[in-house]
Amino acid sequence: MPSATFTFFYDFSEQIGKGVHNLSADTFKWALTNTAPTVGTDDELADITQIAATGGYTAGAGGGYAADGVTWTQSSNVTTLTFTDEVITASGGNVGAFRYVIFYNDTSTGDKLIGYLDYGSSITLADTETLTIDQQTSLFTLTV
């Protein structure tokens, strides 16, 4: 399985302060693109050039794959955002090519961006192939 690094969009920290993201209740998704995002200026899903809707991938507003098992939990002075491993399966055709997997808030107005995974090179999933977005330990933690 290819590994990826996660990068936050700059706008995300401002949107947390404005209450745009309810990390305990909103719906989050993963969108696919082969075009490098711009962390300093991209802030909504419409800023992202998604891959074509093929192989079971749905493109456009609200497109992508639902992030499952998202939890925002606190223990002492540390709060953590986690999710269940997401398995993307090509079905009925290829998915891709894509290099970047965008994490965004589907509940927020404009589908606000949070961050993205960069796999380092383009990936194409042939029909029935899978890619697992691995939870690792957490998407991020907040310590106060």
Foldseek 3Di string as FASTA:
>chain_A
DFAWDKDWQPCQVVCVVVVQDPQADFWKFKFFAADDDDSDPDWFPVSGDGDDPAQPWDDDQVTHGTFAPWHWDDDDQKTFTFTAKDKDARAHFKDDFGFKIWMFTSRGVRGTTTIIIGRPDTDMHGHGRIDIPDRPPGPDMDGD
